[in-house]
Amino acid sequence: MKRPAFQFYPADWRKDSALQSCSVAARGLWIEMLCIMHECEPYGHLAINGDKSPSTPGERDAPAVALPNWLALADWEAFVKHRKRLKAPMSDEAQVRVIAQLSRLRDDGHDPSAVIDQSIVSGWKGLFGLNRRGSPKLSKQAELEARNAEAGRQAKALIFGEEVYEIL
């Protein structure tokens, strides 16, 4: 469907201080790009000669860093996604350093997949050796769930007047 026009507010355009710091030529180019995007399919996307604009870093298909052959892509992607959920995404440099840390843990005999799983399950931002004493505190959510489970066990023991045994 061809759209006949798009909304444009000249007063807002002229008041924008960041835009006013651009040259007249740059502002003219910007208007030209808006017109091109108005005519493109899908609407509002910049396509020149039918090619989509270059992808942004968030749209990458491959990892940002080269992964060693001993590190499963699925495990690494799960950890990167976990860090994003914690609102602590890693830069490319941070990813290189975390992979180096994971390599050292691997050299110390820790399974990289299990190390990543431990961090995700525990809600940790970092990677730590398996079964280590004094490991980082549980995330607040994990701590609350553990406390609630213990309170439930104690309540069950009080209500039924018997000792509660956990099946391992």
N, C-alpha and C. Protein backbone atom coordinates (compact mmCIF):
# COMPACT_ATOMS: atom_id res chain seq x y z
N MET A 1 0.84 -1.17 0.00
CA MET A 1 0.00 0.00 0.00
C MET A 1 0.89 1.24 0.00
N LYS A 2 0.64 2.10 -0.91
CA LYS A 2 1.41 3.34 -1.00
C LYS A 2 0.78 4.38 -0.10
N ARG A 3 1.56 4.93 0.76
CA ARG A 3 1.07 5.96 1.68
C ARG A 3 1.28 7.33 1.05
N PRO A 4 0.27 8.19 1.08
CA PRO A 4 0.40 9.48 0.40
C PRO A 4 1.27 10.49 1.15
N ALA A 5 1.37 10.38 2.47
CA ALA A 5 2.10 11.39 3.23
C ALA A 5 2.54 10.83 4.57
N PHE A 6 3.39 11.55 5.27
CA PHE A 6 3.73 11.20 6.65
C PHE A 6 3.69 12.48 7.48
N GLN A 7 3.46 12.31 8.78
CA GLN A 7 3.36 13.48 9.65
C GLN A 7 4.74 14.08 9.86
N PHE A 8 4.80 15.38 9.79
CA PHE A 8 6.05 16.09 9.99
C PHE A 8 5.72 17.39 10.72
N TYR A 9 6.42 17.66 11.79
CA TYR A 9 6.18 18.86 12.59
C TYR A 9 7.38 19.80 12.45
N PRO A 10 7.27 20.78 11.54
CA PRO A 10 8.41 21.67 11.28
C PRO A 10 8.91 22.40 12.53
N ALA A 11 8.00 22.80 13.42
CA ALA A 11 8.43 23.52 14.62
C ALA A 11 9.31 22.63 15.50
N ASP A 12 8.93 21.35 15.65
CA ASP A 12 9.74 20.42 16.44
C ASP A 12 11.09 20.19 15.77
N TRP A 13 11.08 20.05 14.46
CA TRP A 13 12.30 19.84 13.69
C TRP A 13 13.27 21.01 13.91
N ARG A 14 12.75 22.22 13.85
CA ARG A 14 13.60 23.40 13.96
C ARG A 14 14.06 23.66 15.40
N LYS A 15 13.29 23.21 16.40
CA LYS A 15 13.63 23.44 17.81
C LYS A 15 14.66 22.45 18.35
N ASP A 16 14.80 21.31 17.72
CA ASP A 16 15.69 20.26 18.23
C ASP A 16 17.13 20.76 18.23
N SER A 17 17.71 20.95 19.43
CA SER A 17 19.06 21.53 19.53
C SER A 17 20.12 20.60 18.94
N ALA A 18 19.96 19.29 19.12
CA ALA A 18 20.93 18.35 18.56
C ALA A 18 20.92 18.42 17.04
N LEU A 19 19.74 18.54 16.47
CA LEU A 19 19.62 18.62 15.03
C LEU A 19 20.18 19.94 14.50
N GLN A 20 20.00 21.01 15.26
CA GLN A 20 20.50 22.32 14.83
C GLN A 20 22.02 22.36 14.82
N SER A 21 22.66 21.47 15.55
CA SER A 21 24.12 21.44 15.54
C SER A 21 24.66 20.79 14.27
N CYS A 22 23.78 20.14 13.48
CA CYS A 22 24.18 19.54 12.21
C CYS A 22 24.20 20.62 11.12
N SER A 23 24.98 20.36 10.09
CA SER A 23 25.02 21.30 8.97
C SER A 23 23.71 21.25 8.20
N VAL A 24 23.48 22.27 7.38
CA VAL A 24 22.28 22.31 6.55
C VAL A 24 22.28 21.12 5.60
N ALA A 25 23.45 20.76 5.09
CA ALA A 25 23.55 19.61 4.17
C ALA A 25 23.16 18.32 4.88
N ALA A 26 23.62 18.15 6.13
CA ALA A 26 23.29 16.93 6.88
C ALA A 26 21.80 16.86 7.17
N ARG A 27 21.20 18.01 7.50
CA ARG A 27 19.75 18.03 7.75
C ARG A 27 18.98 17.71 6.47
N GLY A 28 19.45 18.21 5.33
CA GLY A 28 18.81 17.90 4.06
C GLY A 28 18.91 16.41 3.74
N LEU A 29 20.08 15.83 4.02
CA LEU A 29 20.26 14.39 3.81
C LEU A 29 19.32 13.60 4.71
N TRP A 30 19.14 14.06 5.95
CA TRP A 30 18.25 13.37 6.89
C TRP A 30 16.81 13.37 6.37
N ILE A 31 16.35 14.50 5.87
CA ILE A 31 15.00 14.57 5.29
C ILE A 31 14.89 13.63 4.10
N GLU A 32 15.92 13.58 3.28
CA GLU A 32 15.91 12.68 2.11
C GLU A 32 15.80 11.23 2.57
N MET A 33 16.51 10.86 3.62
CA MET A 33 16.44 9.49 4.14
C MET A 33 15.05 9.19 4.70
N LEU A 34 14.42 10.16 5.37
CA LEU A 34 13.05 9.97 5.85
C LEU A 34 12.10 9.70 4.69
N CYS A 35 12.29 10.43 3.60
CA CYS A 35 11.43 10.23 2.42
C CYS A 35 11.65 8.84 1.82
N ILE A 36 12.90 8.39 1.77
CA ILE A 36 13.19 7.05 1.24
C ILE A 36 12.54 5.98 2.13
N MET A 37 12.66 6.14 3.46
CA MET A 37 12.08 5.17 4.38
C MET A 37 10.56 5.15 4.30
N HIS A 38 9.97 6.30 3.96
CA HIS A 38 8.52 6.38 3.80
C HIS A 38 8.05 5.52 2.63
N GLU A 39 8.89 5.41 1.60
CA GLU A 39 8.51 4.66 0.40
C GLU A 39 8.93 3.19 0.46
N CYS A 40 9.71 2.80 1.45
CA CYS A 40 10.25 1.44 1.51
C CYS A 40 9.24 0.45 2.09
N GLU A 41 9.45 -0.81 1.74
CA GLU A 41 8.75 -1.93 2.35
C GLU A 41 9.80 -2.76 3.05
N PRO A 42 9.66 -3.09 4.30
CA PRO A 42 8.61 -2.67 5.21
C PRO A 42 8.73 -1.18 5.52
N TYR A 43 7.61 -0.60 5.85
CA TYR A 43 7.52 0.84 6.06
C TYR A 43 8.45 1.30 7.17
N GLY A 44 9.17 2.36 6.90
CA GLY A 44 10.04 2.94 7.92
C GLY A 44 11.43 2.35 7.97
N HIS A 45 11.73 1.37 7.12
CA HIS A 45 13.06 0.77 7.09
C HIS A 45 13.85 1.40 5.96
N LEU A 46 15.13 1.57 6.19
CA LEU A 46 15.99 2.16 5.17
C LEU A 46 16.54 1.05 4.29
N ALA A 47 16.14 1.06 3.04
CA ALA A 47 16.63 0.08 2.08
C ALA A 47 17.14 0.83 0.86
N ILE A 48 18.39 0.61 0.53
CA ILE A 48 18.98 1.26 -0.63
C ILE A 48 19.35 0.18 -1.62
N ASN A 49 18.88 0.31 -2.85
CA ASN A 49 19.05 -0.71 -3.89
C ASN A 49 18.50 -2.06 -3.44
N GLY A 50 17.43 -2.01 -2.66
CA GLY A 50 16.77 -3.23 -2.21
C GLY A 50 17.47 -3.93 -1.06
N ASP A 51 18.61 -3.40 -0.61
CA ASP A 51 19.35 -4.02 0.49
C ASP A 51 18.93 -3.40 1.81
N LYS A 52 18.76 -4.25 2.80
CA LYS A 52 18.45 -3.78 4.15
C LYS A 52 19.68 -3.07 4.71
N SER A 53 19.46 -2.12 5.60
CA SER A 53 20.58 -1.41 6.21
C SER A 53 21.42 -2.40 7.02
N PRO A 54 22.69 -2.11 7.23
CA PRO A 54 23.55 -3.04 7.98
C PRO A 54 22.96 -3.36 9.34
N SER A 55 23.17 -4.60 9.77
CA SER A 55 22.59 -5.03 11.05
C SER A 55 23.30 -4.34 12.21
N THR A 56 22.57 -4.20 13.28
CA THR A 56 23.13 -3.63 14.50
C THR A 56 23.77 -4.76 15.30
N PRO A 57 24.62 -4.46 16.27
CA PRO A 57 25.26 -5.52 17.05
C PRO A 57 24.27 -6.47 17.71
N GLY A 58 23.09 -6.00 18.09
CA GLY A 58 22.10 -6.85 18.73
C GLY A 58 21.47 -7.86 17.79
N GLU A 59 21.64 -7.66 16.47
CA GLU A 59 21.02 -8.55 15.49
C GLU A 59 21.99 -9.58 14.95
N ARG A 60 23.17 -9.69 15.53
CA ARG A 60 24.17 -10.62 15.01
C ARG A 60 23.67 -12.05 15.12
N ASP A 61 24.04 -12.86 14.11
CA ASP A 61 23.71 -14.28 14.17
C ASP A 61 24.83 -15.04 14.88
N ALA A 62 26.05 -14.62 14.67
CA ALA A 62 27.20 -15.30 15.25
C ALA A 62 27.63 -14.59 16.53
N PRO A 63 28.33 -15.30 17.41
CA PRO A 63 28.82 -14.64 18.61
C PRO A 63 29.78 -13.51 18.23
N ALA A 64 29.90 -12.53 19.11
CA ALA A 64 30.76 -11.37 18.84
C ALA A 64 32.23 -11.75 18.91
N VAL A 65 32.56 -12.80 19.64
CA VAL A 65 33.95 -13.21 19.80
C VAL A 65 34.11 -14.65 19.30
N ALA A 66 35.35 -14.99 18.97
CA ALA A 66 35.62 -16.36 18.51
C ALA A 66 35.59 -17.29 19.73
N LEU A 67 34.81 -18.34 19.62
CA LEU A 67 34.70 -19.30 20.72
C LEU A 67 35.70 -20.44 20.52
N PRO A 68 36.34 -20.89 21.59
CA PRO A 68 37.22 -22.05 21.47
C PRO A 68 36.38 -23.30 21.16
N ASN A 69 37.01 -24.30 20.56
CA ASN A 69 36.26 -25.49 20.16
C ASN A 69 35.73 -26.29 21.35
N TRP A 70 36.28 -26.11 22.53
CA TRP A 70 35.82 -26.84 23.71
C TRP A 70 34.60 -26.20 24.36
N LEU A 71 34.21 -25.01 23.92
CA LEU A 71 33.06 -24.31 24.49
C LEU A 71 31.86 -24.43 23.56
N ALA A 72 30.79 -25.05 24.06
CA ALA A 72 29.58 -25.25 23.25
C ALA A 72 28.90 -23.90 23.01
N LEU A 73 28.52 -23.66 21.76
CA LEU A 73 27.86 -22.41 21.39
C LEU A 73 26.58 -22.20 22.20
N ALA A 74 25.80 -23.26 22.40
CA ALA A 74 24.54 -23.16 23.14
C ALA A 74 24.79 -22.72 24.59
N ASP A 75 25.85 -23.26 25.21
CA ASP A 75 26.17 -22.87 26.59
C ASP A 75 26.56 -21.40 26.66
N TRP A 76 27.41 -20.97 25.72
CA TRP A 76 27.86 -19.58 25.72
C TRP A 76 26.70 -18.62 25.48
N GLU A 77 25.85 -18.95 24.51
CA GLU A 77 24.69 -18.09 24.22
C GLU A 77 23.75 -18.02 25.42
N ALA A 78 23.60 -19.13 26.14
CA ALA A 78 22.75 -19.13 27.34
C ALA A 78 23.33 -18.21 28.40
N PHE A 79 24.66 -18.22 28.56
CA PHE A 79 25.29 -17.35 29.57
C PHE A 79 25.18 -15.88 29.17
N VAL A 80 25.39 -15.58 27.89
CA VAL A 80 25.27 -14.19 27.42
C VAL A 80 23.83 -13.70 27.62
N LYS A 81 22.86 -14.55 27.31
CA LYS A 81 21.44 -14.19 27.50
C LYS A 81 21.14 -13.99 28.99
N HIS A 82 21.70 -14.86 29.83
CA HIS A 82 21.53 -14.75 31.28
C HIS A 82 22.06 -13.41 31.78
N ARG A 83 23.24 -13.01 31.31
CA ARG A 83 23.81 -11.73 31.72
C ARG A 83 22.92 -10.56 31.29
N LYS A 84 22.32 -10.67 30.11
CA LYS A 84 21.42 -9.60 29.65
C LYS A 84 20.18 -9.53 30.54
N ARG A 85 19.66 -10.70 30.96
CA ARG A 85 18.50 -10.71 31.86
C ARG A 85 18.84 -10.08 33.20
N LEU A 86 20.08 -10.21 33.63
CA LEU A 86 20.52 -9.60 34.89
C LEU A 86 20.82 -8.11 34.71
N LYS A 87 20.58 -7.61 33.52
CA LYS A 87 20.89 -6.21 33.18
C LYS A 87 22.39 -5.94 33.33
N ALA A 88 23.20 -6.93 32.94
CA ALA A 88 24.66 -6.81 32.99
C ALA A 88 25.26 -7.39 31.71
N PRO A 89 24.88 -6.83 30.54
CA PRO A 89 25.41 -7.39 29.30
C PRO A 89 26.93 -7.21 29.23
N MET A 90 27.58 -8.09 28.48
CA MET A 90 29.04 -8.05 28.38
C MET A 90 29.46 -7.39 27.08
N SER A 91 30.47 -6.54 27.16
CA SER A 91 31.07 -5.98 25.96
C SER A 91 31.88 -7.09 25.28
N ASP A 92 32.34 -6.82 24.06
CA ASP A 92 33.17 -7.81 23.38
C ASP A 92 34.44 -8.10 24.19
N GLU A 93 35.04 -7.05 24.75
CA GLU A 93 36.24 -7.22 25.57
C GLU A 93 35.94 -8.06 26.81
N ALA A 94 34.81 -7.81 27.45
CA ALA A 94 34.44 -8.59 28.63
C ALA A 94 34.23 -10.06 28.26
N GLN A 95 33.63 -10.31 27.10
CA GLN A 95 33.42 -11.70 26.67
C GLN A 95 34.75 -12.41 26.48
N VAL A 96 35.72 -11.72 25.88
CA VAL A 96 37.05 -12.32 25.69
C VAL A 96 37.66 -12.68 27.04
N ARG A 97 37.53 -11.78 28.01
CA ARG A 97 38.11 -12.02 29.34
C ARG A 97 37.38 -13.13 30.10
N VAL A 98 36.06 -13.19 29.95
CA VAL A 98 35.30 -14.25 30.63
C VAL A 98 35.64 -15.61 30.01
N ILE A 99 35.83 -15.65 28.70
CA ILE A 99 36.23 -16.91 28.06
C ILE A 99 37.62 -17.32 28.55
N ALA A 100 38.52 -16.36 28.73
CA ALA A 100 39.85 -16.67 29.26
C ALA A 100 39.74 -17.22 30.69
N GLN A 101 38.86 -16.63 31.48
CA GLN A 101 38.63 -17.11 32.85
C GLN A 101 38.07 -18.53 32.81
N LEU A 102 37.14 -18.78 31.90
CA LEU A 102 36.55 -20.11 31.76
C LEU A 102 37.62 -21.11 31.32
N SER A 103 38.55 -20.66 30.50
CA SER A 103 39.65 -21.53 30.07
C SER A 103 40.53 -21.91 31.26
N ARG A 104 40.80 -20.95 32.15
CA ARG A 104 41.60 -21.26 33.35
C ARG A 104 40.85 -22.25 34.24
N LEU A 105 39.54 -22.06 34.40
CA LEU A 105 38.76 -23.00 35.20
C LEU A 105 38.80 -24.39 34.57
N ARG A 106 38.74 -24.44 33.25
CA ARG A 106 38.80 -25.72 32.53
C ARG A 106 40.15 -26.38 32.77
N ASP A 107 41.22 -25.59 32.73
CA ASP A 107 42.56 -26.12 32.99
C ASP A 107 42.69 -26.65 34.42
N ASP A 108 41.91 -26.09 35.34
CA ASP A 108 41.91 -26.55 36.73
C ASP A 108 41.02 -27.77 36.93
N GLY A 109 40.40 -28.27 35.86
CA GLY A 109 39.60 -29.49 35.93
C GLY A 109 38.11 -29.29 36.03
N HIS A 110 37.63 -28.07 35.87
CA HIS A 110 36.19 -27.80 35.93
C HIS A 110 35.59 -27.90 34.53
N ASP A 111 34.45 -28.56 34.43
CA ASP A 111 33.74 -28.69 33.15
C ASP A 111 33.11 -27.34 32.79
N PRO A 112 33.47 -26.75 31.64
CA PRO A 112 32.93 -25.43 31.28
C PRO A 112 31.40 -25.39 31.25
N SER A 113 30.78 -26.44 30.75
CA SER A 113 29.32 -26.48 30.68
C SER A 113 28.71 -26.45 32.07
N ALA A 114 29.30 -27.21 32.99
CA ALA A 114 28.78 -27.26 34.37
C ALA A 114 29.03 -25.93 35.09
N VAL A 115 30.16 -25.28 34.81
CA VAL A 115 30.46 -23.98 35.42
C VAL A 115 29.42 -22.95 34.98
N ILE A 116 29.11 -22.94 33.67
CA ILE A 116 28.11 -22.00 33.15
C ILE A 116 26.74 -22.32 33.74
N ASP A 117 26.38 -23.60 33.79
CA ASP A 117 25.09 -23.99 34.38
C ASP A 117 24.98 -23.54 35.83
N GLN A 118 26.06 -23.73 36.60
CA GLN A 118 26.06 -23.33 38.00
C GLN A 118 25.80 -21.83 38.14
N SER A 119 26.43 -21.03 37.30
CA SER A 119 26.25 -19.57 37.38
C SER A 119 24.84 -19.16 37.01
N ILE A 120 24.29 -19.79 35.98
CA ILE A 120 22.93 -19.44 35.55
C ILE A 120 21.92 -19.83 36.62
N VAL A 121 22.02 -21.06 37.12
CA VAL A 121 21.08 -21.56 38.12
C VAL A 121 21.16 -20.73 39.41
N SER A 122 22.36 -20.31 39.77
CA SER A 122 22.54 -19.56 41.01
C SER A 122 22.28 -18.07 40.85
N GLY A 123 22.09 -17.62 39.62
CA GLY A 123 21.83 -16.20 39.39
C GLY A 123 23.07 -15.33 39.51
N TRP A 124 24.25 -15.91 39.28
CA TRP A 124 25.50 -15.17 39.41
C TRP A 124 25.85 -14.49 38.09
N LYS A 125 26.57 -13.39 38.20
CA LYS A 125 27.06 -12.70 37.00
C LYS A 125 28.37 -13.30 36.52
N GLY A 126 29.14 -13.85 37.45
CA GLY A 126 30.46 -14.37 37.12
C GLY A 126 30.49 -15.88 37.02
N LEU A 127 31.67 -16.40 36.68
CA LEU A 127 31.89 -17.84 36.59
C LEU A 127 32.84 -18.25 37.71
N PHE A 128 32.51 -19.34 38.38
CA PHE A 128 33.28 -19.80 39.53
C PHE A 128 33.47 -21.30 39.42
N GLY A 129 34.55 -21.80 40.03
CA GLY A 129 34.80 -23.22 40.04
C GLY A 129 33.68 -23.98 40.74
N LEU A 130 33.51 -25.23 40.38
CA LEU A 130 32.44 -26.05 40.95
C LEU A 130 32.77 -26.47 42.37
N ASN A 131 31.74 -26.61 43.20
CA ASN A 131 31.85 -27.11 44.57
C ASN A 131 32.90 -26.36 45.39
N ARG A 132 33.01 -25.10 45.19
CA ARG A 132 34.01 -24.38 45.97
C ARG A 132 33.38 -23.82 47.23
N ARG A 133 34.13 -23.86 48.29
CA ARG A 133 33.64 -23.32 49.56
C ARG A 133 33.70 -21.80 49.50
N GLY A 134 32.77 -21.19 50.21
CA GLY A 134 32.75 -19.74 50.22
C GLY A 134 32.34 -19.16 48.88
N SER A 135 31.52 -19.90 48.13
CA SER A 135 31.08 -19.38 46.85
C SER A 135 30.24 -18.13 47.06
N PRO A 136 30.07 -17.35 46.02
CA PRO A 136 29.31 -16.12 46.16
C PRO A 136 27.92 -16.37 46.71
N LYS A 137 27.37 -15.36 47.33
CA LYS A 137 26.03 -15.48 47.88
C LYS A 137 25.03 -15.82 46.79
N LEU A 138 23.98 -16.49 47.19
CA LEU A 138 22.90 -16.75 46.25
C LEU A 138 22.25 -15.43 45.86
N SER A 139 21.62 -15.41 44.70
CA SER A 139 20.88 -14.22 44.32
C SER A 139 19.74 -14.04 45.33
N LYS A 140 19.21 -12.85 45.41
CA LYS A 140 18.13 -12.60 46.38
C LYS A 140 16.96 -13.54 46.15
N GLN A 141 16.62 -13.78 44.88
CA GLN A 141 15.51 -14.67 44.56
C GLN A 141 15.80 -16.08 45.05
N ALA A 142 17.00 -16.58 44.75
CA ALA A 142 17.37 -17.94 45.17
C ALA A 142 17.41 -18.03 46.70
N GLU A 143 17.90 -16.97 47.34
CA GLU A 143 17.95 -16.95 48.80
C GLU A 143 16.55 -17.00 49.40
N LEU A 144 15.62 -16.22 48.84
CA LEU A 144 14.23 -16.23 49.33
C LEU A 144 13.58 -17.60 49.12
N GLU A 145 13.82 -18.20 47.95
CA GLU A 145 13.24 -19.51 47.67
C GLU A 145 13.78 -20.56 48.64
N ALA A 146 15.07 -20.50 48.94
CA ALA A 146 15.66 -21.45 49.89
C ALA A 146 15.08 -21.24 51.28
N ARG A 147 14.93 -19.98 51.69
CA ARG A 147 14.36 -19.69 53.01
C ARG A 147 12.91 -20.14 53.08
N ASN A 148 12.14 -19.92 52.02
CA ASN A 148 10.74 -20.36 51.99
C ASN A 148 10.63 -21.88 52.06
N ALA A 149 11.52 -22.57 51.36
CA ALA A 149 11.50 -24.03 51.38
C ALA A 149 11.79 -24.54 52.79
N GLU A 150 12.76 -23.92 53.47
CA GLU A 150 13.09 -24.33 54.83
C GLU A 150 11.93 -24.03 55.78
N ALA A 151 11.29 -22.87 55.62
CA ALA A 151 10.14 -22.52 56.47
C ALA A 151 9.00 -23.51 56.23
N GLY A 152 8.79 -23.91 54.99
CA GLY A 152 7.75 -24.89 54.68
C GLY A 152 8.04 -26.23 55.32
N ARG A 153 9.31 -26.63 55.31
CA ARG A 153 9.70 -27.90 55.93
C ARG A 153 9.45 -27.86 57.43
N GLN A 154 9.82 -26.74 58.06
CA GLN A 154 9.61 -26.61 59.50
C GLN A 154 8.13 -26.56 59.85
N ALA A 155 7.34 -25.87 59.04
CA ALA A 155 5.89 -25.80 59.29
C ALA A 155 5.27 -27.18 59.18
N LYS A 156 5.70 -27.94 58.21
CA LYS A 156 5.18 -29.30 58.02
C LYS A 156 5.51 -30.15 59.25
N ALA A 157 6.72 -29.99 59.77
CA ALA A 157 7.12 -30.76 60.95
C ALA A 157 6.27 -30.37 62.16
N LEU A 158 5.98 -29.07 62.32
CA LEU A 158 5.16 -28.62 63.44
C LEU A 158 3.72 -29.10 63.32
N ILE A 159 3.16 -29.01 62.13
CA ILE A 159 1.76 -29.38 61.92
C ILE A 159 1.55 -30.87 62.14
N PHE A 160 2.42 -31.67 61.56
CA PHE A 160 2.23 -33.11 61.63
C PHE A 160 2.95 -33.74 62.81
N GLY A 161 3.70 -32.94 63.57
CA GLY A 161 4.35 -33.43 64.77
C GLY A 161 5.36 -34.53 64.51
N GLU A 162 5.95 -34.50 63.40
CA GLU A 162 6.94 -35.52 63.10
C GLU A 162 8.11 -34.89 62.37
N GLU A 163 9.17 -35.62 62.32
CA GLU A 163 10.34 -35.13 61.62
C GLU A 163 10.13 -35.32 60.12
N VAL A 164 10.55 -34.36 59.38
CA VAL A 164 10.40 -34.43 57.92
C VAL A 164 11.73 -34.82 57.32
N TYR A 165 11.71 -35.86 56.50
CA TYR A 165 12.92 -36.32 55.84
C TYR A 165 12.85 -35.92 54.37
N GLU A 166 13.94 -35.37 53.90
CA GLU A 166 14.00 -35.01 52.49
C GLU A 166 14.53 -36.19 51.71
N ILE A 167 13.93 -36.44 50.57
CA ILE A 167 14.40 -37.51 49.70
C ILE A 167 15.39 -36.89 48.73
N LEU A 168 16.59 -37.42 48.72
CA LEU A 168 17.63 -36.88 47.85
C LEU A 168 17.74 -37.66 46.58
